[in-house]
Amino acid sequence: MNRWILSFLIFAASTQAQELATVRPDSGKVGSVLRIRGAGLDKTKVDSVYLSDQTLDMMVKVLNQTDDFIEFRIPPSVKPGKFQLVIRTAGKQPHILEQPFYIRVEESGEAAEVATASK
């Protein structure tokens, strides 16, 4: 086998791409903890996680991270709505990868009560 092909195969096997499979739960309030499941998610491959509304990307606090899951908390700055998951890869040349997963941030109990009381 050609040395170049062998080197490429070894490189490809050692650089597993990030693969997201599920996000559970897929909704929550500010402060809720959500878990992304997949493969290739450890700190050497995924540097950070964001929620995006296509205008603004908000970094989330990662609580726990392994090769097959990332747990994060919905930050207090996030307003209710639908957000796409975005990850930033680790390494010398990081990439921003929009994921085909969305979460819904719900109104907190206090915000819902204030909105109802003011009507």
PDB file of N, CA and C in Angstrom:
ATOM      1  N   MET A   1       0.853  -1.174   0.000  1.00  0.00           N
ATOM      2  CA  MET A   1       0.000   0.000   0.000  1.00  0.00           C
ATOM      3  C   MET A   1       0.902   1.242   0.000  1.00  0.00           C
ATOM      4  N   ASN A   2       0.523   2.195  -0.732  1.00  0.00           N
ATOM      5  CA  ASN A   2       1.234   3.460  -0.836  1.00  0.00           C
ATOM      6  C   ASN A   2       1.377   4.111   0.541  1.00  0.00           C
ATOM      7  N   ARG A   3       2.560   4.650   0.866  1.00  0.00           N
ATOM      8  CA  ARG A   3       2.786   5.305   2.165  1.00  0.00           C
ATOM      9  C   ARG A   3       1.845   6.475   2.383  1.00  0.00           C
ATOM     10  N   TRP A   4       1.580   7.228   1.326  1.00  0.00           N
ATOM     11  CA  TRP A   4       0.713   8.395   1.449  1.00  0.00           C
ATOM     12  C   TRP A   4      -0.701   7.967   1.852  1.00  0.00           C
ATOM     13  N   ILE A   5      -1.211   6.925   1.222  1.00  0.00           N
ATOM     14  CA  ILE A   5      -2.550   6.431   1.538  1.00  0.00           C
ATOM     15  C   ILE A   5      -2.585   5.907   2.966  1.00  0.00           C
ATOM     16  N   LEU A   6      -1.576   5.176   3.376  1.00  0.00           N
ATOM     17  CA  LEU A   6      -1.514   4.661   4.740  1.00  0.00           C
ATOM     18  C   LEU A   6      -1.481   5.804   5.751  1.00  0.00           C
ATOM     19  N   SER A   7      -0.674   6.829   5.492  1.00  0.00           N
ATOM     20  CA  SER A   7      -0.604   7.992   6.384  1.00  0.00           C
ATOM     21  C   SER A   7      -1.956   8.681   6.485  1.00  0.00           C
ATOM     22  N   PHE A   8      -2.639   8.826   5.348  1.00  0.00           N
ATOM     23  CA  PHE A   8      -3.952   9.459   5.344  1.00  0.00           C
ATOM     24  C   PHE A   8      -4.949   8.650   6.163  1.00  0.00           C
ATOM     25  N   LEU A   9      -4.958   7.341   6.005  1.00  0.00           N
ATOM     26  CA  LEU A   9      -5.882   6.492   6.752  1.00  0.00           C
ATOM     27  C   LEU A   9      -5.629   6.566   8.249  1.00  0.00           C
ATOM     28  N   ILE A  10      -4.381   6.598   8.649  1.00  0.00           N
ATOM     29  CA  ILE A  10      -4.047   6.731  10.075  1.00  0.00           C
ATOM     30  C   ILE A  10      -4.508   8.083  10.588  1.00  0.00           C
ATOM     31  N   PHE A  11      -4.253   9.151   9.808  1.00  0.00           N
ATOM     32  CA  PHE A  11      -4.693  10.496  10.201  1.00  0.00           C
ATOM     33  C   PHE A  11      -6.208  10.550  10.315  1.00  0.00           C
ATOM     34  N   ALA A  12      -6.918  10.017   9.343  1.00  0.00           N
ATOM     35  CA  ALA A  12      -8.386  10.050   9.348  1.00  0.00           C
ATOM     36  C   ALA A  12      -8.943   9.294  10.542  1.00  0.00           C
ATOM     37  N   ALA A  13      -8.351   8.179  10.887  1.00  0.00           N
ATOM     38  CA  ALA A  13      -8.823   7.392  12.026  1.00  0.00           C
ATOM     39  C   ALA A  13      -8.575   8.113  13.343  1.00  0.00           C
ATOM     40  N   SER A  14      -7.496   8.898  13.418  1.00  0.00           N
ATOM     41  CA  SER A  14      -7.170   9.582  14.667  1.00  0.00           C
ATOM     42  C   SER A  14      -7.890  10.903  14.829  1.00  0.00           C
ATOM     43  N   THR A  15      -8.522  11.412  13.774  1.00  0.00           N
ATOM     44  CA  THR A  15      -9.221  12.695  13.854  1.00  0.00           C
ATOM     45  C   THR A  15     -10.711  12.494  13.651  1.00  0.00           C
ATOM     46  N   GLN A  16     -11.319  11.800  14.567  1.00  0.00           N
ATOM     47  CA  GLN A  16     -12.744  11.521  14.491  1.00  0.00           C
ATOM     48  C   GLN A  16     -13.524  12.825  14.470  1.00  0.00           C
ATOM     49  N   ALA A  17     -14.425  12.961  13.538  1.00  0.00           N
ATOM     50  CA  ALA A  17     -15.251  14.161  13.424  1.00  0.00           C
ATOM     51  C   ALA A  17     -16.275  14.188  14.555  1.00  0.00           C
ATOM     52  N   GLN A  18     -16.700  15.399  14.885  1.00  0.00           N
ATOM     53  CA  GLN A  18     -17.722  15.558  15.900  1.00  0.00           C
ATOM     54  C   GLN A  18     -19.063  15.140  15.296  1.00  0.00           C
ATOM     55  N   GLU A  19     -19.770  14.314  16.033  1.00  0.00           N
ATOM     56  CA  GLU A  19     -21.053  13.811  15.549  1.00  0.00           C
ATOM     57  C   GLU A  19     -22.067  13.931  16.673  1.00  0.00           C
ATOM     58  N   LEU A  20     -23.097  14.737  16.471  1.00  0.00           N
ATOM     59  CA  LEU A  20     -24.156  14.879  17.453  1.00  0.00           C
ATOM     60  C   LEU A  20     -25.294  13.958  17.091  1.00  0.00           C
ATOM     61  N   ALA A  21     -25.853  13.283  18.101  1.00  0.00           N
ATOM     62  CA  ALA A  21     -26.939  12.338  17.868  1.00  0.00           C
ATOM     63  C   ALA A  21     -28.257  12.830  18.471  1.00  0.00           C
ATOM     64  N   THR A  22     -28.211  13.338  19.714  1.00  0.00           N
ATOM     65  CA  THR A  22     -29.423  13.810  20.381  1.00  0.00           C
ATOM     66  C   THR A  22     -29.098  14.951  21.328  1.00  0.00           C
ATOM     67  N   VAL A  23     -30.126  15.712  21.667  1.00  0.00           N
ATOM     68  CA  VAL A  23     -30.054  16.718  22.726  1.00  0.00           C
ATOM     69  C   VAL A  23     -31.274  16.483  23.598  1.00  0.00           C
ATOM     70  N   ARG A  24     -31.044  16.243  24.877  1.00  0.00           N
ATOM     71  CA  ARG A  24     -32.136  15.955  25.814  1.00  0.00           C
ATOM     72  C   ARG A  24     -31.959  16.737  27.089  1.00  0.00           C
ATOM     73  N   PRO A  25     -32.980  17.336  27.623  1.00  0.00           N
ATOM     74  CA  PRO A  25     -34.224  17.576  26.910  1.00  0.00           C
ATOM     75  C   PRO A  25     -33.980  18.571  25.781  1.00  0.00           C
ATOM     76  N   ASP A  26     -34.958  18.742  24.907  1.00  0.00           N
ATOM     77  CA  ASP A  26     -34.765  19.673  23.796  1.00  0.00           C
ATOM     78  C   ASP A  26     -35.370  21.044  24.078  1.00  0.00           C
ATOM     79  N   SER A  27     -35.744  21.269  25.345  1.00  0.00           N
ATOM     80  CA  SER A  27     -36.233  22.574  25.764  1.00  0.00           C
ATOM     81  C   SER A  27     -35.982  22.738  27.253  1.00  0.00           C
ATOM     82  N   GLY A  28     -36.009  23.985  27.710  1.00  0.00           N
ATOM     83  CA  GLY A  28     -35.804  24.259  29.124  1.00  0.00           C
ATOM     84  C   GLY A  28     -35.820  25.744  29.394  1.00  0.00           C
ATOM     85  N   LYS A  29     -35.760  26.080  30.653  1.00  0.00           N
ATOM     86  CA  LYS A  29     -35.725  27.482  31.078  1.00  0.00           C
ATOM     87  C   LYS A  29     -34.274  27.880  31.336  1.00  0.00           C
ATOM     88  N   VAL A  30     -34.060  29.170  31.521  1.00  0.00           N
ATOM     89  CA  VAL A  30     -32.729  29.653  31.885  1.00  0.00           C
ATOM     90  C   VAL A  30     -32.267  28.872  33.115  1.00  0.00           C
ATOM     91  N   GLY A  31     -31.035  28.386  33.081  1.00  0.00           N
ATOM     92  CA  GLY A  31     -30.483  27.612  34.184  1.00  0.00           C
ATOM     93  C   GLY A  31     -30.665  26.111  34.039  1.00  0.00           C
ATOM     94  N   SER A  32     -31.514  25.677  33.106  1.00  0.00           N
ATOM     95  CA  SER A  32     -31.720  24.241  32.885  1.00  0.00           C
ATOM     96  C   SER A  32     -30.450  23.604  32.329  1.00  0.00           C
ATOM     97  N   VAL A  33     -30.252  22.332  32.670  1.00  0.00           N
ATOM     98  CA  VAL A  33     -29.099  21.579  32.175  1.00  0.00           C
ATOM     99  C   VAL A  33     -29.578  20.656  31.059  1.00  0.00           C
ATOM    100  N   LEU A  34     -28.885  20.721  29.914  1.00  0.00           N
ATOM    101  CA  LEU A  34     -29.198  19.880  28.760  1.00  0.00           C
ATOM    102  C   LEU A  34     -27.980  19.029  28.441  1.00  0.00           C
ATOM    103  N   ARG A  35     -28.207  17.895  27.792  1.00  0.00           N
ATOM    104  CA  ARG A  35     -27.114  16.984  27.459  1.00  0.00           C
ATOM    105  C   ARG A  35     -27.137  16.666  25.966  1.00  0.00           C
ATOM    106  N   ILE A  36     -25.992  16.928  25.327  1.00  0.00           N
ATOM    107  CA  ILE A  36     -25.778  16.566  23.925  1.00  0.00           C
ATOM    108  C   ILE A  36     -25.107  15.192  23.944  1.00  0.00           C
ATOM    109  N   ARG A  37     -25.642  14.245  23.181  1.00  0.00           N
ATOM    110  CA  ARG A  37     -25.009  12.930  23.046  1.00  0.00           C
ATOM    111  C   ARG A  37     -24.505  12.786  21.620  1.00  0.00           C
ATOM    112  N   GLY A  38     -23.371  12.083  21.500  1.00  0.00           N
ATOM    113  CA  GLY A  38     -22.807  11.863  20.182  1.00  0.00           C
ATOM    114  C   GLY A  38     -21.456  11.198  20.287  1.00  0.00           C
ATOM    115  N   ALA A  39     -20.537  11.561  19.397  1.00  0.00           N
ATOM    116  CA  ALA A  39     -19.196  10.994  19.383  1.00  0.00           C
ATOM    117  C   ALA A  39     -18.196  12.087  19.018  1.00  0.00           C
ATOM    118  N   GLY A  40     -16.976  11.949  19.538  1.00  0.00           N
ATOM    119  CA  GLY A  40     -15.933  12.919  19.249  1.00  0.00           C
ATOM    120  C   GLY A  40     -16.179  14.266  19.911  1.00  0.00           C
ATOM    121  N   LEU A  41     -16.727  14.257  21.133  1.00  0.00           N
ATOM    122  CA  LEU A  41     -17.124  15.493  21.796  1.00  0.00           C
ATOM    123  C   LEU A  41     -16.204  15.923  22.938  1.00  0.00           C
ATOM    124  N   ASP A  42     -15.107  15.207  23.171  1.00  0.00           N
ATOM    125  CA  ASP A  42     -14.249  15.556  24.303  1.00  0.00           C
ATOM    126  C   ASP A  42     -13.543  16.892  24.070  1.00  0.00           C
ATOM    127  N   LYS A  43     -12.878  17.400  25.117  1.00  0.00           N
ATOM    128  CA  LYS A  43     -12.258  18.730  25.092  1.00  0.00           C
ATOM    129  C   LYS A  43     -11.165  18.880  24.044  1.00  0.00           C
ATOM    130  N   THR A  44     -10.560  17.756  23.621  1.00  0.00           N
ATOM    131  CA  THR A  44      -9.518  17.860  22.597  1.00  0.00           C
ATOM    132  C   THR A  44     -10.123  18.075  21.211  1.00  0.00           C
ATOM    133  N   LYS A  45     -11.453  17.861  21.082  1.00  0.00           N
ATOM    134  CA  LYS A  45     -12.112  18.022  19.788  1.00  0.00           C
ATOM    135  C   LYS A  45     -13.128  19.158  19.757  1.00  0.00           C
ATOM    136  N   VAL A  46     -13.791  19.426  20.893  1.00  0.00           N
ATOM    137  CA  VAL A  46     -14.784  20.490  20.963  1.00  0.00           C
ATOM    138  C   VAL A  46     -14.334  21.497  22.018  1.00  0.00           C
ATOM    139  N   ASP A  47     -14.083  22.733  21.575  1.00  0.00           N
ATOM    140  CA  ASP A  47     -13.607  23.789  22.471  1.00  0.00           C
ATOM    141  C   ASP A  47     -14.748  24.460  23.221  1.00  0.00           C
ATOM    142  N   SER A  48     -15.851  24.771  22.518  1.00  0.00           N
ATOM    143  CA  SER A  48     -16.952  25.472  23.162  1.00  0.00           C
ATOM    144  C   SER A  48     -18.260  25.206  22.431  1.00  0.00           C
ATOM    145  N   VAL A  49     -19.364  25.512  23.129  1.00  0.00           N
ATOM    146  CA  VAL A  49     -20.715  25.292  22.618  1.00  0.00           C
ATOM    147  C   VAL A  49     -21.469  26.615  22.702  1.00  0.00           C
ATOM    148  N   TYR A  50     -22.274  26.886  21.680  1.00  0.00           N
ATOM    149  CA  TYR A  50     -23.034  28.137  21.612  1.00  0.00           C
ATOM    150  C   TYR A  50     -24.486  27.840  21.282  1.00  0.00           C
ATOM    151  N   LEU A  51     -25.356  28.779  21.674  1.00  0.00           N
ATOM    152  CA  LEU A  51     -26.737  28.801  21.215  1.00  0.00           C
ATOM    153  C   LEU A  51     -26.836  29.987  20.271  1.00  0.00           C
ATOM    154  N   SER A  52     -27.414  29.779  19.102  1.00  0.00           N
ATOM    155  CA  SER A  52     -27.491  30.841  18.101  1.00  0.00           C
ATOM    156  C   SER A  52     -28.923  31.088  17.670  1.00  0.00           C
ATOM    157  N   ASP A  53     -29.269  32.380  17.569  1.00  0.00           N
ATOM    158  CA  ASP A  53     -30.571  32.744  17.006  1.00  0.00           C
ATOM    159  C   ASP A  53     -30.387  33.295  15.594  1.00  0.00           C
ATOM    160  N   GLN A  54     -29.257  33.011  14.965  1.00  0.00           N
ATOM    161  CA  GLN A  54     -28.854  33.445  13.630  1.00  0.00           C
ATOM    162  C   GLN A  54     -28.446  34.919  13.581  1.00  0.00           C
ATOM    163  N   THR A  55     -28.562  35.619  14.708  1.00  0.00           N
ATOM    164  CA  THR A  55     -28.085  37.003  14.820  1.00  0.00           C
ATOM    165  C   THR A  55     -26.957  37.075  15.822  1.00  0.00           C
ATOM    166  N   LEU A  56     -27.109  36.353  16.907  1.00  0.00           N
ATOM    167  CA  LEU A  56     -26.174  36.392  18.015  1.00  0.00           C
ATOM    168  C   LEU A  56     -25.860  34.974  18.472  1.00  0.00           C
ATOM    169  N   ASP A  57     -24.584  34.690  18.705  1.00  0.00           N
ATOM    170  CA  ASP A  57     -24.161  33.401  19.255  1.00  0.00           C
ATOM    171  C   ASP A  57     -23.807  33.612  20.721  1.00  0.00           C
ATOM    172  N   MET A  58     -24.446  32.856  21.616  1.00  0.00           N
ATOM    173  CA  MET A  58     -24.207  32.980  23.049  1.00  0.00           C
ATOM    174  C   MET A  58     -23.526  31.727  23.571  1.00  0.00           C
ATOM    175  N   MET A  59     -22.344  31.885  24.139  1.00  0.00           N
ATOM    176  CA  MET A  59     -21.607  30.743  24.682  1.00  0.00           C
ATOM    177  C   MET A  59     -22.332  30.211  25.914  1.00  0.00           C
ATOM    178  N   VAL A  60     -22.409  28.894  26.007  1.00  0.00           N
ATOM    179  CA  VAL A  60     -23.028  28.264  27.174  1.00  0.00           C
ATOM    180  C   VAL A  60     -21.935  27.760  28.107  1.00  0.00           C
ATOM    181  N   LYS A  61     -22.290  27.574  29.363  1.00  0.00           N
ATOM    182  CA  LYS A  61     -21.349  27.026  30.336  1.00  0.00           C
ATOM    183  C   LYS A  61     -21.389  25.505  30.239  1.00  0.00           C
ATOM    184  N   VAL A  62     -20.260  24.925  29.845  1.00  0.00           N
ATOM    185  CA  VAL A  62     -20.152  23.466  29.778  1.00  0.00           C
ATOM    186  C   VAL A  62     -19.868  22.961  31.189  1.00  0.00           C
ATOM    187  N   LEU A  63     -20.706  22.055  31.668  1.00  0.00           N
ATOM    188  CA  LEU A  63     -20.580  21.523  33.019  1.00  0.00           C
ATOM    189  C   LEU A  63     -19.779  20.228  33.059  1.00  0.00           C
ATOM    190  N   ASN A  64     -19.949  19.411  32.033  1.00  0.00           N
ATOM    191  CA  ASN A  64     -19.292  18.112  31.974  1.00  0.00           C
ATOM    192  C   ASN A  64     -19.114  17.750  30.507  1.00  0.00           C
ATOM    193  N   GLN A  65     -17.963  17.182  30.181  1.00  0.00           N
ATOM    194  CA  GLN A  65     -17.671  16.885  28.778  1.00  0.00           C
ATOM    195  C   GLN A  65     -16.833  15.623  28.679  1.00  0.00           C
ATOM    196  N   THR A  66     -17.322  14.659  27.889  1.00  0.00           N
ATOM    197  CA  THR A  66     -16.587  13.420  27.608  1.00  0.00           C
ATOM    198  C   THR A  66     -16.616  13.195  26.097  1.00  0.00           C
ATOM    199  N   ASP A  67     -16.093  12.086  25.659  1.00  0.00           N
ATOM    200  CA  ASP A  67     -16.097  11.795  24.230  1.00  0.00           C
ATOM    201  C   ASP A  67     -17.509  11.598  23.689  1.00  0.00           C
ATOM    202  N   ASP A  68     -18.442  11.122  24.536  1.00  0.00           N
ATOM    203  CA  ASP A  68     -19.781  10.838  24.015  1.00  0.00           C
ATOM    204  C   ASP A  68     -20.893  11.736  24.547  1.00  0.00           C
ATOM    205  N   PHE A  69     -20.577  12.750  25.360  1.00  0.00           N
ATOM    206  CA  PHE A  69     -21.618  13.711  25.744  1.00  0.00           C
ATOM    207  C   PHE A  69     -21.020  15.027  26.232  1.00  0.00           C
ATOM    208  N   ILE A  70     -21.851  16.069  26.136  1.00  0.00           N
ATOM    209  CA  ILE A  70     -21.543  17.388  26.699  1.00  0.00           C
ATOM    210  C   ILE A  70     -22.779  17.834  27.454  1.00  0.00           C
ATOM    211  N   GLU A  71     -22.609  18.187  28.722  1.00  0.00           N
ATOM    212  CA  GLU A  71     -23.689  18.766  29.509  1.00  0.00           C
ATOM    213  C   GLU A  71     -23.438  20.258  29.613  1.00  0.00           C
ATOM    214  N   PHE A  72     -24.499  21.050  29.415  1.00  0.00           N
ATOM    215  CA  PHE A  72     -24.350  22.492  29.516  1.00  0.00           C
ATOM    216  C   PHE A  72     -25.585  23.110  30.148  1.00  0.00           C
ATOM    217  N   ARG A  73     -25.402  24.334  30.627  1.00  0.00           N
ATOM    218  CA  ARG A  73     -26.483  25.073  31.278  1.00  0.00           C
ATOM    219  C   ARG A  73     -26.923  26.216  30.367  1.00  0.00           C
ATOM    220  N   ILE A  74     -28.242  26.429  30.253  1.00  0.00           N
ATOM    221  CA  ILE A  74     -28.751  27.559  29.477  1.00  0.00           C
ATOM    222  C   ILE A  74     -28.399  28.834  30.235  1.00  0.00           C
ATOM    223  N   PRO A  75     -27.663  29.754  29.596  1.00  0.00           N
ATOM    224  CA  PRO A  75     -27.196  30.956  30.293  1.00  0.00           C
ATOM    225  C   PRO A  75     -28.318  31.954  30.596  1.00  0.00           C
ATOM    226  N   PRO A  76     -28.113  32.789  31.628  1.00  0.00           N
ATOM    227  CA  PRO A  76     -29.143  33.749  32.033  1.00  0.00           C
ATOM    228  C   PRO A  76     -29.421  34.840  30.996  1.00  0.00           C
ATOM    229  N   SER A  77     -28.504  35.069  30.071  1.00  0.00           N
ATOM    230  CA  SER A  77     -28.684  36.125  29.071  1.00  0.00           C
ATOM    231  C   SER A  77     -29.593  35.719  27.914  1.00  0.00           C
ATOM    232  N   VAL A  78     -29.988  34.450  27.851  1.00  0.00           N
ATOM    233  CA  VAL A  78     -30.796  33.952  26.738  1.00  0.00           C
ATOM    234  C   VAL A  78     -32.269  34.291  26.958  1.00  0.00           C
ATOM    235  N   LYS A  79     -32.875  34.858  25.928  1.00  0.00           N
ATOM    236  CA  LYS A  79     -34.312  35.173  25.947  1.00  0.00           C
ATOM    237  C   LYS A  79     -35.083  33.962  25.441  1.00  0.00           C
ATOM    238  N   PRO A  80     -36.361  33.855  25.784  1.00  0.00           N
ATOM    239  CA  PRO A  80     -37.160  32.742  25.278  1.00  0.00           C
ATOM    240  C   PRO A  80     -37.159  32.718  23.753  1.00  0.00           C
ATOM    241  N   GLY A  81     -37.143  31.506  23.197  1.00  0.00           N
ATOM    242  CA  GLY A  81     -37.165  31.348  21.749  1.00  0.00           C
ATOM    243  C   GLY A  81     -36.497  30.061  21.309  1.00  0.00           C
ATOM    244  N   LYS A  82     -36.306  29.932  20.001  1.00  0.00           N
ATOM    245  CA  LYS A  82     -35.702  28.740  19.402  1.00  0.00           C
ATOM    246  C   LYS A  82     -34.256  29.060  19.036  1.00  0.00           C
ATOM    247  N   PHE A  83     -33.321  28.166  19.431  1.00  0.00           N
ATOM    248  CA  PHE A  83     -31.896  28.391  19.214  1.00  0.00           C
ATOM    249  C   PHE A  83     -31.253  27.156  18.606  1.00  0.00           C
ATOM    250  N   GLN A  84     -30.315  27.412  17.689  1.00  0.00           N
ATOM    251  CA  GLN A  84     -29.555  26.348  17.062  1.00  0.00           C
ATOM    252  C   GLN A  84     -28.286  26.091  17.855  1.00  0.00           C
ATOM    253  N   LEU A  85     -27.885  24.824  17.956  1.00  0.00           N
ATOM    254  CA  LEU A  85     -26.620  24.484  18.596  1.00  0.00           C
ATOM    255  C   LEU A  85     -25.479  24.711  17.615  1.00  0.00           C
ATOM    256  N   VAL A  86     -24.410  25.328  18.115  1.00  0.00           N
ATOM    257  CA  VAL A  86     -23.214  25.589  17.324  1.00  0.00           C
ATOM    258  C   VAL A  86     -22.028  25.157  18.172  1.00  0.00           C
ATOM    259  N   ILE A  87     -21.071  24.452  17.562  1.00  0.00           N
ATOM    260  CA  ILE A  87     -19.865  24.074  18.301  1.00  0.00           C
ATOM    261  C   ILE A  87     -18.643  24.679  17.630  1.00  0.00           C
ATOM    262  N   ARG A  88     -17.639  24.954  18.452  1.00  0.00           N
ATOM    263  CA  ARG A  88     -16.345  25.429  17.966  1.00  0.00           C
ATOM    264  C   ARG A  88     -15.354  24.310  18.226  1.00  0.00           C
ATOM    265  N   THR A  89     -14.704  23.859  17.174  1.00  0.00           N
ATOM    266  CA  THR A  89     -13.763  22.764  17.335  1.00  0.00           C
ATOM    267  C   THR A  89     -12.483  23.256  18.004  1.00  0.00           C
ATOM    268  N   ALA A  90     -11.751  22.338  18.588  1.00  0.00           N
ATOM    269  CA  ALA A  90     -10.480  22.649  19.236  1.00  0.00           C
ATOM    270  C   ALA A  90      -9.355  22.493  18.215  1.00  0.00           C
ATOM    271  N   GLY A  91      -8.186  22.984  18.567  1.00  0.00           N
ATOM    272  CA  GLY A  91      -7.024  22.795  17.701  1.00  0.00           C
ATOM    273  C   GLY A  91      -6.471  24.102  17.171  1.00  0.00           C
ATOM    274  N   LYS A  92      -5.426  23.986  16.365  1.00  0.00           N
ATOM    275  CA  LYS A  92      -4.745  25.159  15.816  1.00  0.00           C
ATOM    276  C   LYS A  92      -5.606  25.919  14.819  1.00  0.00           C
ATOM    277  N   GLN A  93      -6.469  25.223  14.116  1.00  0.00           N
ATOM    278  CA  GLN A  93      -7.364  25.854  13.160  1.00  0.00           C
ATOM    279  C   GLN A  93      -8.811  25.476  13.490  1.00  0.00           C
ATOM    280  N   PRO A  94      -9.387  26.136  14.519  1.00  0.00           N
ATOM    281  CA  PRO A  94     -10.749  25.781  14.931  1.00  0.00           C
ATOM    282  C   PRO A  94     -11.773  26.155  13.857  1.00  0.00           C
ATOM    283  N   HIS A  95     -12.873  25.431  13.870  1.00  0.00           N
ATOM    284  CA  HIS A  95     -13.969  25.679  12.935  1.00  0.00           C
ATOM    285  C   HIS A  95     -15.253  25.871  13.737  1.00  0.00           C
ATOM    286  N   ILE A  96     -16.121  26.708  13.224  1.00  0.00           N
ATOM    287  CA  ILE A  96     -17.451  26.889  13.797  1.00  0.00           C
ATOM    288  C   ILE A  96     -18.392  25.999  12.996  1.00  0.00           C
ATOM    289  N   LEU A  97     -19.055  25.071  13.683  1.00  0.00           N
ATOM    290  CA  LEU A  97     -19.923  24.105  13.012  1.00  0.00           C
ATOM    291  C   LEU A  97     -21.362  24.261  13.491  1.00  0.00           C
ATOM    292  N   GLU A  98     -22.230  24.742  12.609  1.00  0.00           N
ATOM    293  CA  GLU A  98     -23.654  24.812  12.934  1.00  0.00           C
ATOM    294  C   GLU A  98     -24.201  23.395  12.904  1.00  0.00           C
ATOM    295  N   GLN A  99     -24.974  23.063  13.919  1.00  0.00           N
ATOM    296  CA  GLN A  99     -25.504  21.709  14.037  1.00  0.00           C
ATOM    297  C   GLN A  99     -26.987  21.688  13.657  1.00  0.00           C
ATOM    298  N   PRO A 100     -27.484  20.558  13.175  1.00  0.00           N
ATOM    299  CA  PRO A 100     -28.901  20.469  12.797  1.00  0.00           C
ATOM    300  C   PRO A 100     -29.803  20.170  13.996  1.00  0.00           C
ATOM    301  N   PHE A 101     -29.461  20.763  15.145  1.00  0.00           N
ATOM    302  CA  PHE A 101     -30.228  20.553  16.371  1.00  0.00           C
ATOM    303  C   PHE A 101     -30.649  21.900  16.929  1.00  0.00           C
ATOM    304  N   TYR A 102     -31.892  21.967  17.391  1.00  0.00           N
ATOM    305  CA  TYR A 102     -32.443  23.193  17.952  1.00  0.00           C
ATOM    306  C   TYR A 102     -33.002  22.905  19.330  1.00  0.00           C
ATOM    307  N   ILE A 103     -32.929  23.918  20.188  1.00  0.00           N
ATOM    308  CA  ILE A 103     -33.573  23.809  21.499  1.00  0.00           C
ATOM    309  C   ILE A 103     -34.502  25.005  21.659  1.00  0.00           C
ATOM    310  N   ARG A 104     -35.506  24.830  22.486  1.00  0.00           N
ATOM    311  CA  ARG A 104     -36.438  25.912  22.764  1.00  0.00           C
ATOM    312  C   ARG A 104     -36.212  26.352  24.208  1.00  0.00           C
ATOM    313  N   VAL A 105     -35.947  27.651  24.373  1.00  0.00           N
ATOM    314  CA  VAL A 105     -35.803  28.222  25.709  1.00  0.00           C
ATOM    315  C   VAL A 105     -37.168  28.787  26.088  1.00  0.00           C
ATOM    316  N   GLU A 106     -37.686  28.296  27.196  1.00  0.00           N
ATOM    317  CA  GLU A 106     -39.009  28.691  27.665  1.00  0.00           C
ATOM    318  C   GLU A 106     -38.899  29.866  28.628  1.00  0.00           C
ATOM    319  N   GLU A 107     -39.999  30.588  28.775  1.00  0.00           N
ATOM    320  CA  GLU A 107     -40.027  31.681  29.749  1.00  0.00           C
ATOM    321  C   GLU A 107     -39.915  31.103  31.152  1.00  0.00           C
ATOM    322  N   SER A 108     -39.197  31.831  32.010  1.00  0.00           N
ATOM    323  CA  SER A 108     -39.119  31.389  33.401  1.00  0.00           C
ATOM    324  C   SER A 108     -40.459  31.671  34.059  1.00  0.00           C
ATOM    325  N   GLY A 109     -40.729  31.034  35.175  1.00  0.00           N
ATOM    326  CA  GLY A 109     -41.987  31.227  35.893  1.00  0.00           C
ATOM    327  C   GLY A 109     -42.235  32.678  36.254  1.00  0.00           C
ATOM    328  N   GLU A 110     -41.185  33.387  36.711  1.00  0.00           N
ATOM    329  CA  GLU A 110     -41.322  34.798  37.089  1.00  0.00           C
ATOM    330  C   GLU A 110     -41.692  35.656  35.887  1.00  0.00           C
ATOM    331  N   ALA A 111     -41.009  35.462  34.756  1.00  0.00           N
ATOM    332  CA  ALA A 111     -41.262  36.270  33.569  1.00  0.00           C
ATOM    333  C   ALA A 111     -42.687  36.042  33.063  1.00  0.00           C
ATOM    334  N   ALA A 112     -43.142  34.783  33.097  1.00  0.00           N
ATOM    335  CA  ALA A 112     -44.493  34.472  32.639  1.00  0.00           C
ATOM    336  C   ALA A 112     -45.534  35.118  33.550  1.00  0.00           C
ATOM    337  N   GLU A 113     -45.277  35.110  34.889  1.00  0.00           N
ATOM    338  CA  GLU A 113     -46.213  35.712  35.829  1.00  0.00           C
ATOM    339  C   GLU A 113     -46.264  37.219  35.638  1.00  0.00           C
ATOM    340  N   VAL A 114     -45.129  37.882  35.429  1.00  0.00           N
ATOM    341  CA  VAL A 114     -45.085  39.328  35.228  1.00  0.00           C
ATOM    342  C   VAL A 114     -45.829  39.691  33.948  1.00  0.00           C
ATOM    343  N   ALA A 115     -45.615  38.927  32.865  1.00  0.00           N
ATOM    344  CA  ALA A 115     -46.273  39.195  31.591  1.00  0.00           C
ATOM    345  C   ALA A 115     -47.796  39.046  31.724  1.00  0.00           C
ATOM    346  N   THR A 116     -48.235  38.025  32.450  1.00  0.00           N
ATOM    347  CA  THR A 116     -49.665  37.808  32.647  1.00  0.00           C
ATOM    348  C   THR A 116     -50.263  38.897  33.514  1.00  0.00           C
ATOM    349  N   ALA A 117     -49.555  39.312  34.574  1.00  0.00           N
ATOM    350  CA  ALA A 117     -50.054  40.334  35.487  1.00  0.00           C
ATOM    351  C   ALA A 117     -50.160  41.691  34.818  1.00  0.00           C
ATOM    352  N   SER A 118     -49.292  41.988  33.852  1.00  0.00           N
ATOM    353  CA  SER A 118     -49.300  43.299  33.212  1.00  0.00           C
ATOM    354  C   SER A 118     -50.353  43.409  32.118  1.00  0.00           C
ATOM    355  N   LYS A 119     -51.014  42.317  31.763  1.00  0.00           N
ATOM    356  CA  LYS A 119     -52.035  42.360  30.695  1.00  0.00           C
ATOM    357  C   LYS A 119     -53.374  42.779  31.222  1.00  0.00           C
TER     358      LYS A 119
END
